[in-house]
Amino acid sequence: MYPNQQYTQRGGGPGGQYPPQQPSYGVGNMVPGHQQNMSGPYGGNQGGFGSAGGAPYNQSGFAGAAGAPYNQSGFGGAGGAPYNQSGFGGAGAAPFNQGGFGGAPHNQGGFGGAGGAPYNQGGYPQGQSGGYGPGGYPPPNQQPYGGNPHPQNVGPSGVGYPPAQGGGYGPSSGNFMSNDPRAQRLNQIIQQYEINPQFAARLQLLGNCEVVVLCDDSGSMNTPLQGTNQTRWDELKSLVNIVVDICSVMDSNGVDVYFLNRDPMLNVSDTRNVRQIFNMPPQGLTPLVPALRRIIAAKRNQTFEKKLLILIATDGAPTNEYGQPDVGALEAVLRQERTQQTYVTFLACTDDLPTVSYLSNWDKMIPNVDVIDDYRSERAEIQRTRGGNFPFSYGDYIVKSLLGAIDPWFDSLDDRA
């Protein structure tokens, strides 16, 4: 969504603070059985999600040791320890217990016990690894490769998500058995990139997707991002690394990474290969149309079995062979040359939104297309819509980018109520 767009009244929580809930995907079905100590870097009782006394959807907090509604043994049970210090669940509850983060089915306990801490326990500690100031970027060459370039900034009061409404989705190819090592790896990724549980629950949708990233490697990607010491190319490198981390868990074939002006790398499942891909600086024009056609042709047969999800990360308008802008040709490909199983998400790799203004209405006009602003603009728009303390980490941004075209719940996050 673009920051200045207005939308009509939608449902959700009081005052439209929350997006309408689709049925829960059941995190408990996705990553069961992993014991995780969540007492870690943020410490306990920081307010965050559901501190007793004033959380939305519950006059006495999302969770509370005194038996508040929506919580029998949610996140942080009796005693108020953050996440109960033995994993997700209430007193004695198994982590990822039978349909949600916590003992109550489908996470009816919300995101905190009495005085519970924010959801991203075990993520980036404030002021330590990954913390470079609100909305900041790491200094050059100091960001651990694949780390979150945008530390999470959750206000002291926190803003939670409403309980999931109704039943869960059945098993899909993205679910893992409790003894599957991928379950542990996925838990590590969720913590490392501060992905909130409502977002993480939907990652299982990727089990039925073939994921391709099309990277704009034109010369303009060397442009610095305003207020940072990173270029657009640096941020794209971080984005691709996280996409590979997530998707290689969901699909052992990894991710195909295509470029506009160089050869692709196929079946990338190791982030060390991402370093190699991005060693060469960007240069050249923006021939999006021929690059997209190559992907569609190469993957046409696979779309009979899986959805094809193409992430197009670009900072400007497509150009023809003469270097002239040619938006019409790209729109024609999207409308006429895709199968119904092909989904496309455009990621604006720039904070200069007028340069990608041609994308602004495509997600409303063209089926199976989503448009995502750069991280800082997207976060600002969501927080204008949902409240300034609404948590939206860079990991959340990546998940929204991956799933926005196939799951309408993400689109509703920045729709104005």
Protein backbone atom coordinates (compact mmCIF):
# COMPACT_ATOMS: atom_id res chain seq x y z
CA MET A 1 0.00 0.00 0.00
CA TYR A 2 1.23 3.48 -0.65
CA PRO A 3 1.37 5.84 2.31
CA ASN A 4 -1.17 8.42 1.16
CA GLN A 5 -3.84 6.07 -0.15
CA GLN A 6 -7.21 6.07 1.63
CA TYR A 7 -9.45 3.05 1.85
CA THR A 8 -13.02 2.52 2.91
CA GLN A 9 -14.13 1.26 6.30
CA ARG A 10 -13.09 -2.32 7.00
CA GLY A 11 -13.80 -4.62 9.90
CA GLY A 12 -11.51 -5.54 12.71
CA GLY A 13 -11.09 -4.65 16.32
CA PRO A 14 -12.35 -1.56 18.12
CA GLY A 15 -11.89 1.50 15.95
CA GLY A 16 -10.54 -0.68 13.17
CA GLN A 17 -7.24 -1.12 15.01
CA TYR A 18 -6.73 -4.65 13.81
CA PRO A 19 -7.17 -6.21 10.39
CA PRO A 20 -10.04 -8.64 9.85
CA GLN A 21 -8.93 -12.06 10.95
CA GLN A 22 -8.84 -14.97 8.58
CA PRO A 23 -8.89 -18.38 10.28
CA SER A 24 -5.72 -19.27 12.11
CA TYR A 25 -3.19 -21.38 10.29
CA GLY A 26 -2.25 -23.15 13.48
CA VAL A 27 1.35 -22.54 14.38
CA GLY A 28 1.04 -25.53 16.58
CA ASN A 29 0.63 -27.65 13.49
CA MET A 30 3.59 -26.08 11.82
CA VAL A 31 6.43 -26.18 14.31
CA PRO A 32 5.45 -28.40 17.24
CA GLY A 33 7.61 -29.75 19.97
CA HIS A 34 10.50 -27.31 20.08
CA GLN A 35 11.40 -26.22 23.60
CA GLN A 36 12.72 -22.70 23.59
CA ASN A 37 13.79 -20.57 26.52
CA MET A 38 12.19 -17.22 25.84
CA SER A 39 13.18 -15.39 29.00
CA GLY A 40 16.09 -13.86 27.15
CA PRO A 41 17.34 -10.54 25.89
CA TYR A 42 14.30 -8.34 26.38
CA GLY A 43 13.76 -9.50 29.95
CA GLY A 44 10.41 -9.90 31.60
CA ASN A 45 7.60 -7.51 32.34
CA GLN A 46 8.34 -4.83 29.79
CA GLY A 47 4.72 -4.20 29.09
CA GLY A 48 4.44 -5.27 25.49
CA PHE A 49 1.66 -7.59 24.50
CA GLY A 50 -1.05 -7.83 27.09
CA SER A 51 0.32 -6.37 30.29
CA ALA A 52 -2.46 -6.61 32.84
CA GLY A 53 -4.49 -3.43 32.69
CA GLY A 54 -5.69 -2.08 29.41
CA ALA A 55 -4.79 -4.36 26.50
CA PRO A 56 -7.32 -4.27 23.65
CA TYR A 57 -9.92 -6.99 23.40
CA ASN A 58 -9.68 -7.51 27.16
CA GLN A 59 -10.30 -4.90 29.82
CA SER A 60 -7.90 -6.67 32.13
CA GLY A 61 -5.25 -7.52 29.55
CA PHE A 62 -4.84 -10.27 27.01
CA ALA A 63 -3.59 -12.56 29.69
CA GLY A 64 -3.40 -12.51 33.41
CA ALA A 65 -2.69 -14.78 36.28
CA ALA A 66 -6.04 -13.76 37.76
CA GLY A 67 -8.06 -15.57 35.13
CA ALA A 68 -8.79 -12.80 32.60
CA PRO A 69 -10.91 -13.82 29.63
CA TYR A 70 -9.20 -15.11 26.49
CA ASN A 71 -6.53 -16.73 28.62
CA GLN A 72 -6.43 -19.95 30.48
CA SER A 73 -2.80 -20.63 29.79
CA GLY A 74 -1.75 -18.25 27.00
CA PHE A 75 1.65 -16.66 26.53
CA GLY A 76 3.06 -16.48 30.01
CA GLY A 77 0.80 -18.34 32.40
CA ALA A 78 0.44 -18.28 36.18
CA GLY A 79 3.22 -16.36 37.79
CA GLY A 80 3.56 -13.96 34.88
CA ALA A 81 6.95 -15.18 33.70
CA PRO A 82 7.51 -14.07 30.11
CA TYR A 83 6.57 -17.03 27.93
CA ASN A 84 6.73 -19.11 31.13
CA GLN A 85 10.50 -19.54 30.75
CA SER A 86 10.02 -22.98 29.28
CA GLY A 87 8.74 -22.14 25.84
CA PHE A 88 5.44 -20.90 24.52
CA GLY A 89 2.60 -21.86 26.81
CA GLY A 90 1.14 -21.47 30.24
CA ALA A 91 2.03 -23.30 33.40
CA GLY A 92 2.96 -26.80 32.36
CA ALA A 93 1.82 -26.30 28.79
CA ALA A 94 3.83 -27.77 25.95
CA PRO A 95 5.33 -25.26 23.49
CA PHE A 96 3.38 -24.72 20.29
CA ASN A 97 0.58 -26.58 22.02
CA GLN A 98 -2.18 -28.05 19.85
CA GLY A 99 -3.11 -25.08 17.76
CA GLY A 100 -1.32 -21.91 18.73
CA PHE A 101 1.33 -20.30 20.89
CA GLY A 102 0.05 -21.35 24.30
CA GLY A 103 -2.24 -23.77 26.02
CA ALA A 104 -5.51 -22.20 24.86
CA PRO A 105 -6.53 -23.27 21.35
CA HIS A 106 -5.56 -20.87 18.59
CA ASN A 107 -3.71 -18.51 20.89
CA GLN A 108 -6.68 -17.25 22.85
CA GLY A 109 -4.32 -15.99 25.47
CA GLY A 110 -2.94 -13.20 23.34
CA PHE A 111 0.72 -12.24 23.38
CA GLY A 112 1.56 -11.87 27.03
CA GLY A 113 0.93 -13.06 30.54
CA ALA A 114 0.48 -10.70 33.45
CA GLY A 115 2.93 -7.97 32.59
CA GLY A 116 4.11 -10.06 29.65
CA ALA A 117 7.00 -9.04 27.44
CA PRO A 118 6.75 -8.31 23.71
CA TYR A 119 6.36 -11.25 21.38
CA ASN A 120 9.88 -11.20 20.07
CA GLN A 121 11.56 -12.71 23.08
CA GLY A 122 14.89 -14.06 22.05
CA GLY A 123 15.12 -11.71 19.10
CA TYR A 124 17.48 -8.78 18.83
CA PRO A 125 18.15 -7.31 22.27
CA GLN A 126 17.78 -3.58 22.38
CA GLY A 127 21.08 -1.81 22.14
CA GLN A 128 22.92 -5.04 21.43
CA SER A 129 23.22 -7.26 18.38
CA GLY A 130 20.99 -5.94 15.67
CA GLY A 131 20.15 -2.69 17.50
CA TYR A 132 21.21 0.42 15.63
CA GLY A 133 18.61 2.87 16.84
CA PRO A 134 14.95 3.15 15.84
CA GLY A 135 14.52 2.60 12.13
CA GLY A 136 18.30 2.66 11.66
CA TYR A 137 20.73 0.66 9.57
CA PRO A 138 23.98 -0.99 10.63
CA PRO A 139 27.31 0.70 10.06
CA PRO A 140 29.10 -0.45 6.88
CA ASN A 141 30.53 -3.97 7.07
CA GLN A 142 29.35 -4.44 10.66
CA GLN A 143 25.97 -6.03 10.01
CA PRO A 144 26.21 -9.80 10.46
CA TYR A 145 25.30 -11.16 7.06
CA GLY A 146 21.66 -11.99 7.01
CA GLY A 147 20.94 -10.05 10.16
CA ASN A 148 17.98 -7.76 10.54
CA PRO A 149 18.99 -4.36 9.08
CA HIS A 150 16.05 -2.68 10.83
CA PRO A 151 15.79 -3.34 14.58
CA GLN A 152 12.33 -3.75 15.99
CA ASN A 153 11.00 -0.71 17.83
CA VAL A 154 8.07 -1.60 20.09
CA GLY A 155 6.66 1.10 22.35
CA PRO A 156 6.29 0.52 26.07
CA SER A 157 2.56 -0.02 25.89
CA GLY A 158 2.78 -2.44 23.00
CA VAL A 159 0.02 -3.26 20.58
CA GLY A 160 -1.17 -6.82 20.17
CA TYR A 161 -3.15 -8.71 17.62
CA PRO A 162 -6.63 -10.02 18.37
CA PRO A 163 -7.14 -13.69 19.10
CA ALA A 164 -7.50 -15.84 16.02
CA GLN A 165 -11.13 -16.19 15.04
CA GLY A 166 -12.24 -19.76 14.64
CA GLY A 167 -10.78 -22.98 13.37
CA GLY A 168 -7.41 -23.73 11.93
CA TYR A 169 -6.26 -24.80 8.52
CA GLY A 170 -5.56 -28.45 7.90
CA PRO A 171 -2.09 -29.87 7.35
CA SER A 172 -0.22 -28.73 4.29
CA SER A 173 3.14 -29.55 2.75
CA GLY A 174 4.62 -26.76 4.85
CA ASN A 175 3.97 -28.53 8.16
CA PHE A 176 6.68 -30.49 9.95
CA MET A 177 6.58 -33.39 12.37
CA SER A 178 7.92 -32.71 15.84
CA ASN A 179 11.08 -34.75 15.16
CA ASP A 180 11.80 -32.94 11.89
CA PRO A 181 14.96 -30.79 12.25
CA ARG A 182 13.36 -28.18 10.01
CA ALA A 183 10.97 -27.35 12.84
CA GLN A 184 13.87 -26.30 15.05
CA ARG A 185 15.47 -24.36 12.22
CA LEU A 186 12.23 -22.50 11.53
CA ASN A 187 11.94 -21.56 15.20
CA GLN A 188 15.47 -20.15 15.07
CA ILE A 189 14.61 -18.07 12.01
CA ILE A 190 11.42 -16.75 13.61
CA GLN A 191 13.41 -15.56 16.62
CA GLN A 192 16.43 -14.29 14.68
CA TYR A 193 14.34 -12.06 12.44
CA GLU A 194 11.76 -11.12 15.10
CA ILE A 195 8.83 -12.52 13.13
CA ASN A 196 5.66 -12.17 15.13
CA PRO A 197 3.61 -15.32 15.74
CA GLN A 198 0.61 -14.20 13.67
CA PHE A 199 2.91 -13.78 10.67
CA ALA A 200 4.90 -16.94 11.38
CA ALA A 201 1.72 -19.03 11.53
CA ARG A 202 1.13 -18.31 7.85
CA LEU A 203 4.56 -19.36 6.61
CA GLN A 204 3.27 -22.86 5.99
CA LEU A 205 1.61 -21.48 2.84
CA LEU A 206 5.08 -21.38 1.28
CA GLY A 207 5.14 -25.17 1.31
CA ASN A 208 2.95 -25.07 -1.79
CA CYS A 209 4.91 -22.34 -3.60
CA GLU A 210 7.85 -22.21 -5.95
CA VAL A 211 9.62 -18.96 -5.00
CA VAL A 212 11.65 -16.86 -7.43
CA VAL A 213 13.28 -13.51 -6.64
CA LEU A 214 13.90 -11.12 -9.53
CA CYS A 215 16.49 -8.55 -8.46
CA ASP A 216 16.97 -5.18 -10.08
CA ASP A 217 20.74 -4.89 -10.58
CA SER A 218 20.60 -1.68 -12.61
CA GLY A 219 23.05 1.12 -11.88
CA SER A 220 20.55 3.14 -9.85
CA MET A 221 20.60 0.45 -7.14
CA ASN A 222 23.91 2.01 -6.00
CA THR A 223 21.92 5.00 -4.71
CA PRO A 224 22.20 5.54 -0.92
CA LEU A 225 19.02 5.29 1.12
CA GLN A 226 18.14 8.56 2.82
CA GLY A 227 19.30 8.88 6.41
CA THR A 228 21.37 5.70 6.29
CA ASN A 229 24.79 4.48 5.31
CA GLN A 230 23.36 1.73 3.10
CA THR A 231 22.56 1.63 -0.59
CA ARG A 232 19.49 0.13 -2.18
CA TRP A 233 21.72 -2.77 -3.23
CA ASP A 234 22.78 -3.39 0.38
CA GLU A 235 19.18 -3.57 1.54
CA LEU A 236 18.24 -5.90 -1.31
CA LYS A 237 21.11 -8.17 -0.30
CA SER A 238 19.70 -8.43 3.22
CA LEU A 239 16.21 -9.08 1.87
CA VAL A 240 17.32 -11.91 -0.42
CA ASN A 241 19.32 -13.48 2.37
CA ILE A 242 16.27 -13.66 4.67
CA VAL A 243 14.06 -14.95 1.85
CA VAL A 244 16.58 -17.75 1.23
CA ASP A 245 16.72 -18.55 4.95
CA ILE A 246 12.94 -18.88 5.21
CA CYS A 247 12.20 -20.56 1.90
CA SER A 248 14.98 -23.14 2.13
CA VAL A 249 13.28 -24.49 5.26
CA MET A 250 9.92 -24.73 3.53
CA ASP A 251 11.34 -26.14 0.28
CA SER A 252 14.64 -28.02 0.10
CA ASN A 253 15.06 -26.88 -3.52
CA GLY A 254 15.66 -23.37 -2.23
CA VAL A 255 15.04 -20.18 -4.19
CA ASP A 256 15.85 -19.20 -7.76
CA VAL A 257 17.47 -15.76 -7.84
CA TYR A 258 17.25 -13.94 -11.18
CA PHE A 259 18.72 -10.60 -12.20
CA LEU A 260 18.11 -8.10 -14.97
CA ASN A 261 21.68 -7.85 -16.26
CA ARG A 262 23.45 -11.06 -15.25
CA ASP A 263 22.89 -14.80 -15.16
CA PRO A 264 20.56 -16.31 -12.55
CA MET A 265 21.53 -18.59 -9.70
CA LEU A 266 19.11 -21.49 -9.30
CA ASN A 267 18.15 -23.54 -6.24
CA VAL A 268 19.91 -21.26 -3.76
CA SER A 269 19.51 -22.75 -0.28
CA ASP A 270 22.71 -21.56 1.40
CA THR A 271 23.08 -17.92 2.39
CA ARG A 272 26.81 -18.12 1.67
CA ASN A 273 25.86 -18.24 -1.99
CA VAL A 274 23.95 -15.00 -1.55
CA ARG A 275 27.21 -13.26 -0.64
CA GLN A 276 28.69 -14.51 -3.87
CA ILE A 277 25.71 -13.31 -5.90
CA PHE A 278 25.95 -9.75 -4.58
CA ASN A 279 29.71 -9.30 -4.74
CA MET A 280 29.44 -7.74 -8.19
CA PRO A 281 28.07 -4.17 -7.97
CA PRO A 282 24.90 -3.29 -9.88
CA GLN A 283 25.11 -1.69 -13.31
CA GLY A 284 23.05 -1.32 -16.46
CA LEU A 285 19.43 -0.56 -17.34
CA THR A 286 16.10 -1.97 -16.05
CA PRO A 287 14.92 -4.61 -18.59
CA LEU A 288 12.19 -6.06 -16.35
CA VAL A 289 10.00 -7.40 -19.16
CA PRO A 290 12.44 -9.85 -20.80
CA ALA A 291 13.63 -11.02 -17.38
CA LEU A 292 10.06 -11.71 -16.22
CA ARG A 293 9.30 -13.56 -19.45
CA ARG A 294 12.32 -15.81 -18.92
CA ILE A 295 11.06 -16.76 -15.46
CA ILE A 296 7.50 -17.43 -16.63
CA ALA A 297 8.76 -19.60 -19.50
CA ALA A 298 11.17 -21.56 -17.29
CA LYS A 299 8.53 -22.25 -14.62
CA ARG A 300 5.44 -22.74 -16.77
CA ASN A 301 5.29 -26.51 -16.30
CA GLN A 302 5.77 -26.28 -12.53
CA THR A 303 2.69 -24.13 -11.98
CA PHE A 304 0.45 -27.15 -12.52
CA GLU A 305 1.65 -28.59 -9.20
CA LYS A 306 2.55 -25.51 -7.16
CA LYS A 307 1.89 -21.82 -7.09
CA LEU A 308 4.65 -19.75 -8.64
CA LEU A 309 5.51 -16.75 -6.46
CA ILE A 310 7.72 -14.13 -8.10
CA LEU A 311 9.15 -11.31 -5.96
CA ILE A 312 10.28 -8.42 -8.15
CA ALA A 313 12.53 -6.02 -6.25
CA THR A 314 13.08 -2.82 -8.23
CA ASP A 315 13.74 0.88 -7.75
CA GLY A 316 12.31 2.30 -10.95
CA ALA A 317 10.30 1.92 -14.13
CA PRO A 318 11.08 -0.87 -16.61
CA THR A 319 13.04 0.12 -19.71
CA ASN A 320 13.08 -1.23 -23.26
CA GLU A 321 16.14 -2.12 -25.31
CA TYR A 322 16.72 1.59 -25.99
CA GLY A 323 16.73 2.53 -22.32
CA GLN A 324 13.34 4.24 -22.51
CA PRO A 325 10.63 3.65 -19.88
CA ASP A 326 8.09 1.04 -21.02
CA VAL A 327 5.52 0.42 -18.29
CA GLY A 328 2.87 -0.74 -20.75
CA ALA A 329 4.87 -3.79 -21.82
CA LEU A 330 5.25 -4.92 -18.21
CA GLU A 331 1.54 -4.51 -17.55
CA ALA A 332 0.76 -6.55 -20.66
CA VAL A 333 2.91 -9.44 -19.42
CA LEU A 334 1.17 -9.40 -16.06
CA ARG A 335 -2.29 -9.39 -17.62
CA GLN A 336 -1.78 -11.74 -20.57
CA GLU A 337 1.22 -14.04 -20.13
CA ARG A 338 0.81 -15.55 -16.64
CA THR A 339 -1.04 -18.65 -15.56
CA GLN A 340 -3.66 -18.37 -12.83
CA GLN A 341 -1.18 -20.04 -10.48
CA THR A 342 1.42 -17.29 -10.91
CA TYR A 343 1.54 -14.60 -8.21
CA VAL A 344 3.72 -11.49 -8.40
CA THR A 345 4.79 -9.14 -5.62
CA PHE A 346 6.60 -5.89 -6.40
CA LEU A 347 8.97 -4.59 -3.73
CA ALA A 348 9.90 -0.93 -3.99
CA CYS A 349 13.65 -0.81 -3.29
CA THR A 350 13.60 2.94 -2.83
CA ASP A 351 12.28 5.56 -0.46
CA ASP A 352 11.72 7.83 -3.49
CA LEU A 353 8.20 6.55 -4.10
CA PRO A 354 7.41 8.71 -7.17
CA THR A 355 9.96 6.65 -9.13
CA VAL A 356 7.77 3.57 -8.67
CA SER A 357 4.42 5.37 -8.77
CA TYR A 358 3.40 3.28 -11.79
CA LEU A 359 2.89 0.39 -9.34
CA SER A 360 0.53 2.24 -7.03
CA ASN A 361 -2.76 0.77 -8.26
CA TRP A 362 -1.68 -2.51 -9.83
CA ASP A 363 -2.47 -4.55 -6.74
CA LYS A 364 -6.07 -3.27 -6.97
CA MET A 365 -6.38 -3.62 -10.74
CA ILE A 366 -4.48 -6.80 -11.68
CA PRO A 367 -5.30 -10.21 -10.14
CA ASN A 368 -2.65 -12.01 -8.09
CA VAL A 369 -0.41 -8.93 -7.86
CA ASP A 370 0.73 -7.23 -4.66
CA VAL A 371 2.78 -4.06 -4.19
CA ILE A 372 4.96 -3.44 -1.13
CA ASP A 373 6.74 -0.18 -0.27
CA ASP A 374 10.25 -0.10 1.13
CA TYR A 375 10.44 -1.22 4.76
CA ARG A 376 10.40 2.17 6.44
CA SER A 377 7.50 3.46 4.32
CA GLU A 378 5.53 0.25 4.82
CA ARG A 379 6.07 0.32 8.57
CA ALA A 380 5.04 3.98 8.76
CA GLU A 381 1.84 3.29 6.82
CA ILE A 382 0.91 0.28 8.97
CA GLN A 383 1.56 2.24 12.16
CA ARG A 384 -0.51 5.17 10.91
CA THR A 385 -3.33 2.71 10.34
CA ARG A 386 -2.93 0.45 13.39
CA GLY A 387 -1.27 2.75 15.91
CA GLY A 388 2.25 3.96 16.57
CA ASN A 389 3.14 1.01 18.81
CA PHE A 390 2.04 -1.63 16.32
CA PRO A 391 5.03 -3.99 16.01
CA PHE A 392 6.41 -4.49 12.51
CA SER A 393 9.95 -5.83 12.35
CA TYR A 394 12.03 -6.24 9.21
CA GLY A 395 11.34 -9.97 9.46
CA ASP A 396 7.61 -9.20 9.46
CA TYR A 397 8.18 -7.10 6.35
CA ILE A 398 9.81 -10.04 4.56
CA VAL A 399 6.95 -12.39 5.49
CA LYS A 400 4.40 -9.82 4.30
CA SER A 401 6.34 -9.53 1.05
CA LEU A 402 6.38 -13.29 0.57
CA LEU A 403 2.73 -13.90 1.36
CA GLY A 404 0.94 -10.64 0.53
CA ALA A 405 -0.05 -11.77 -2.96
CA ILE A 406 -1.53 -15.09 -1.80
CA ASP A 407 -2.95 -14.25 1.65
CA PRO A 408 -5.32 -11.25 1.83
CA TRP A 409 -4.86 -10.94 5.60
CA PHE A 410 -1.55 -9.17 5.00
CA ASP A 411 -3.13 -6.74 2.58
CA SER A 412 -5.60 -5.75 5.29
CA LEU A 413 -2.83 -4.68 7.70
CA ASP A 414 -2.40 -1.29 6.07
CA ASP A 415 -5.94 -0.85 4.79
CA ARG A 416 -7.47 2.06 6.64
CA ALA A 417 -10.42 1.06 8.77
